[in-house]
Protein backbone atom coordinates (compact mmCIF):
# COMPACT_ATOMS: atom_id res chain seq x y z
CA MET A 1 132.34 173.95 123.90
CA ARG A 2 134.05 170.61 122.79
CA TYR A 3 131.51 169.07 126.22
CA VAL A 4 128.24 169.89 124.40
CA MET A 5 129.39 168.59 120.12
CA SER A 6 130.57 165.09 122.30
CA ARG A 7 126.67 165.03 123.84
CA GLN A 8 125.46 166.56 120.52
CA ARG A 9 127.32 163.45 118.97
CA LEU A 10 126.10 161.12 120.92
CA HIS A 11 122.99 161.63 121.68
CA THR A 12 122.58 161.44 117.02
CA ALA A 13 124.44 158.34 117.64
CA ARG A 14 121.75 157.03 120.12
CA PHE A 15 119.75 158.12 117.72
CA ILE A 16 120.66 156.44 114.58
CA VAL A 17 120.75 152.75 116.42
CA ILE A 18 117.37 153.32 118.15
CA ALA A 19 115.64 153.90 114.00
CA THR A 20 117.95 151.55 113.47
CA ALA A 21 117.27 148.79 115.26
CA LEU A 22 113.60 149.79 114.71
CA ILE A 23 113.82 149.46 111.13
CA THR A 24 116.04 145.78 110.84
CA GLY A 25 112.91 144.55 113.46
CA LEU A 26 109.66 146.09 111.82
CA LEU A 27 111.40 144.19 108.63
CA SER A 28 113.20 141.21 109.77
CA PRO A 29 111.26 138.08 108.47
CA VAL A 30 111.15 137.03 112.43
CA PRO A 31 107.67 135.38 112.83
CA CYS A 32 105.33 136.91 114.93
CA PRO A 33 102.88 135.75 117.79
CA VAL A 34 99.94 137.30 115.55
CA ALA A 35 101.23 134.66 112.63
CA HIS A 36 100.60 131.99 114.59
CA ALA A 37 97.27 132.66 115.06
CA GLU A 38 93.76 130.60 113.57
CA GLU A 39 93.77 132.27 109.40
CA LEU A 40 90.97 135.39 109.65
CA LYS A 41 88.17 134.60 107.19
CA ILE A 42 86.57 137.76 105.63
CA GLY A 43 83.24 138.01 104.41
CA TYR A 44 80.77 140.72 103.23
CA VAL A 45 76.81 140.62 102.75
CA ASN A 46 74.54 142.88 101.41
CA LEU A 47 71.86 142.30 103.51
CA ALA A 48 69.78 144.56 101.21
CA LYS A 49 69.99 142.99 98.64
CA ILE A 50 69.22 139.39 100.76
CA PHE A 51 66.57 140.95 102.23
CA ASP A 52 65.21 141.74 98.76
CA GLY A 53 66.03 138.71 97.38
CA TYR A 54 64.46 136.64 100.30
CA GLU A 55 61.65 134.29 99.32
CA ARG A 56 60.16 134.67 102.99
CA THR A 57 60.16 138.19 102.55
CA LYS A 58 58.17 137.79 98.93
CA ALA A 59 55.36 135.85 100.26
CA SER A 60 55.36 138.08 103.50
CA GLU A 61 54.61 141.27 100.67
CA ALA A 62 52.31 139.74 98.60
CA ALA A 63 50.52 138.66 102.42
CA LEU A 64 51.18 142.52 103.39
CA GLU A 65 50.00 143.57 99.79
CA LYS A 66 46.78 141.54 99.71
CA GLN A 67 45.45 142.14 103.38
CA GLY A 68 46.33 146.07 102.18
CA LYS A 69 44.02 146.23 99.31
CA LEU A 70 40.90 143.78 100.89
CA LYS A 71 41.35 146.57 103.76
CA GLU A 72 41.63 149.28 101.27
CA ASP A 73 38.20 147.77 99.13
CA GLU A 74 36.24 147.83 102.73
CA LEU A 75 37.33 151.78 102.83
CA GLU A 76 35.80 152.64 99.84
CA GLY A 77 32.91 150.59 99.99
CA ARG A 78 32.25 152.93 102.96
CA MET A 79 33.25 155.73 101.33
CA ALA A 80 30.65 154.88 98.58
CA GLU A 81 28.11 154.42 101.67
CA LEU A 82 28.67 157.80 103.18
CA LYS A 83 28.63 160.10 99.69
CA LYS A 84 25.62 158.55 98.90
CA LEU A 85 24.36 159.44 102.19
CA ARG A 86 25.93 163.18 101.82
CA GLN A 87 23.98 162.87 97.95
CA ASN A 88 20.70 162.07 99.76
CA LEU A 89 20.70 164.91 102.26
CA GLU A 90 19.74 167.60 99.88
CA LEU A 91 16.47 165.60 98.94
CA LEU A 92 15.86 165.88 102.73
CA GLY A 93 13.33 168.68 104.70
CA ASP A 94 15.42 170.09 107.38
CA GLU A 95 14.53 168.41 110.70
CA ALA A 96 15.91 165.34 108.86
CA ARG A 97 18.66 167.01 107.16
CA GLU A 98 19.78 167.85 110.17
CA ALA A 99 19.29 164.54 112.00
CA LYS A 100 20.67 162.93 108.55
CA SER A 101 23.54 165.30 109.00
CA ARG A 102 24.80 164.70 112.54
CA GLU A 103 24.59 160.73 111.20
CA ILE A 104 26.56 161.60 108.22
CA GLU A 105 29.57 163.36 110.66
CA GLU A 106 29.57 160.08 112.96
CA LYS A 107 30.04 158.25 109.25
CA ALA A 108 32.99 159.96 108.01
CA GLU A 109 34.42 160.36 112.43
CA GLU A 110 34.38 155.98 112.06
CA LEU A 111 35.80 156.17 108.87
CA GLN A 112 38.71 157.97 109.68
CA ARG A 113 39.36 156.25 112.68
CA PHE A 114 39.24 153.08 110.07
CA ARG A 115 41.91 154.84 107.71
CA ASN A 116 43.81 155.05 111.27
CA ALA A 117 43.36 152.35 112.98
CA THR A 118 43.82 150.31 109.28
CA ALA A 119 47.53 152.24 108.19
CA ARG A 120 48.32 151.90 111.99
CA ASP A 121 47.98 147.70 112.27
CA LEU A 122 49.62 147.46 108.82
CA GLY A 123 52.40 149.46 109.80
CA ARG A 124 52.68 146.94 112.61
CA GLU A 125 52.37 143.90 110.98
CA ARG A 126 55.01 145.15 108.39
CA ASP A 127 57.78 145.81 111.40
CA ARG A 128 56.93 142.88 112.81
CA THR A 129 57.65 140.47 109.53
CA ALA A 130 60.99 142.89 108.43
CA ARG A 131 62.03 141.86 112.28
CA ASP A 132 61.02 138.01 111.64
CA ILE A 133 62.96 138.24 108.64
CA LEU A 134 66.08 140.16 109.67
CA LYS A 135 66.68 137.61 112.40
CA ALA A 136 66.16 134.82 110.42
CA ILE A 137 68.57 136.39 107.37
CA GLN A 138 70.91 136.57 110.45
CA ASP A 139 70.63 132.80 111.71
CA GLY A 140 71.16 132.58 108.15
CA VAL A 141 74.46 134.94 107.85
CA ASP A 142 75.60 132.74 111.20
CA SER A 143 74.91 128.90 110.05
CA TYR A 144 76.84 130.38 106.23
CA ALA A 145 79.78 131.95 108.34
CA LYS A 146 80.12 128.62 110.50
CA ALA A 147 79.81 126.30 107.66
CA ASN A 148 82.39 128.12 105.75
CA GLY A 149 85.12 128.64 107.99
CA PHE A 150 84.69 132.63 108.13
CA THR A 151 85.95 134.53 111.20
CA LEU A 152 84.03 137.40 110.52
CA VAL A 153 80.95 138.38 108.21
CA LEU A 154 80.01 141.70 107.94
CA ASP A 155 77.45 144.09 106.18
CA SER A 156 78.81 146.00 103.05
CA ARG A 157 77.43 148.84 103.70
CA SER A 158 80.01 149.44 106.06
CA LEU A 159 82.43 148.45 104.57
CA LEU A 160 84.75 151.26 102.27
CA TYR A 161 86.50 148.68 100.36
CA ALA A 162 86.22 145.16 99.30
CA THR A 163 87.27 142.31 96.97
CA PRO A 164 83.87 140.43 95.28
CA ALA A 165 85.87 137.15 96.04
CA GLN A 166 84.70 138.61 99.81
CA ASP A 167 81.35 138.65 99.18
CA VAL A 168 78.85 135.81 100.59
CA THR A 169 75.44 137.55 99.94
CA ASP A 170 74.83 134.97 97.03
CA GLY A 171 75.87 131.58 98.87
CA VAL A 172 73.65 133.32 101.55
CA LEU A 173 70.70 133.72 99.78
CA LYS A 174 70.93 130.72 98.78
CA LEU A 175 71.17 128.66 101.51
CA LEU A 176 67.74 131.18 102.92
CA ASN A 177 66.10 129.90 99.87
CA GLY A 178 67.17 126.33 99.57
CA PRO A 179 64.61 123.86 99.50
CA ALA A 180 64.52 123.17 103.91
CA ALA A 181 63.95 126.89 104.14
CA ALA A 182 60.75 127.34 101.92
CA LYS A 183 58.19 126.90 104.43
CA PRO A 184 57.69 130.19 105.58
CA LYS A 185 57.25 130.44 109.76
CA PRO A 186 53.44 131.71 110.64
C-alpha cells in the first residue's frame, strides 16, 4: 500500500511540475520567433461595393443596356410585323390564307430564334465584361496592397469579424476610378 501511495504522489508531483512549466512558459515574456517575423498587415475589401462603384462597371452596364434596347426595338418591330400579317390573314381566301399561315408560322419561329439568340448573346457579353471587370478589380486590389504594404487583403464576404479600420474598399475604388484608370479597355 505504501508503494502505491508513493507512486501516486510521484505521478501528482510530475503533473504539477509539467503544468507549472507549461504555464510559466506560456506566460513568460520571452520573445518567440514569430515576434521577429515581418509585420502582418491585413485589410479587407467589399468586392460588391467595388464592382458597383467602379466606373468601368457603370459604363459596361450602360453599353449593354443600350445594346439590349436596340435588340428589344428590333424585336418589337418584328412582332408588329407578325401581328399585321395575322390581322391580314382573316381577309384572305382559303388558298391564300393557307400560304400566309405557313409564312406566319415561319416568321413566328424566326422571331423566337431571334429572341433566344439575342438573350444568349447579351448574356455572354455580360459574362465576358463581368470577368474582365473582376480581373481589373483584382489587379487594382493587388496594386493597392503592394503600394500600401499589405500582407493580406481578404474579401469581406469571407470574414466573420473585422474592424472598419481594416476596410480598404474606398482606397481600392479610388485607385480604380482614378484619372489613369478612367479609360476603359475595349
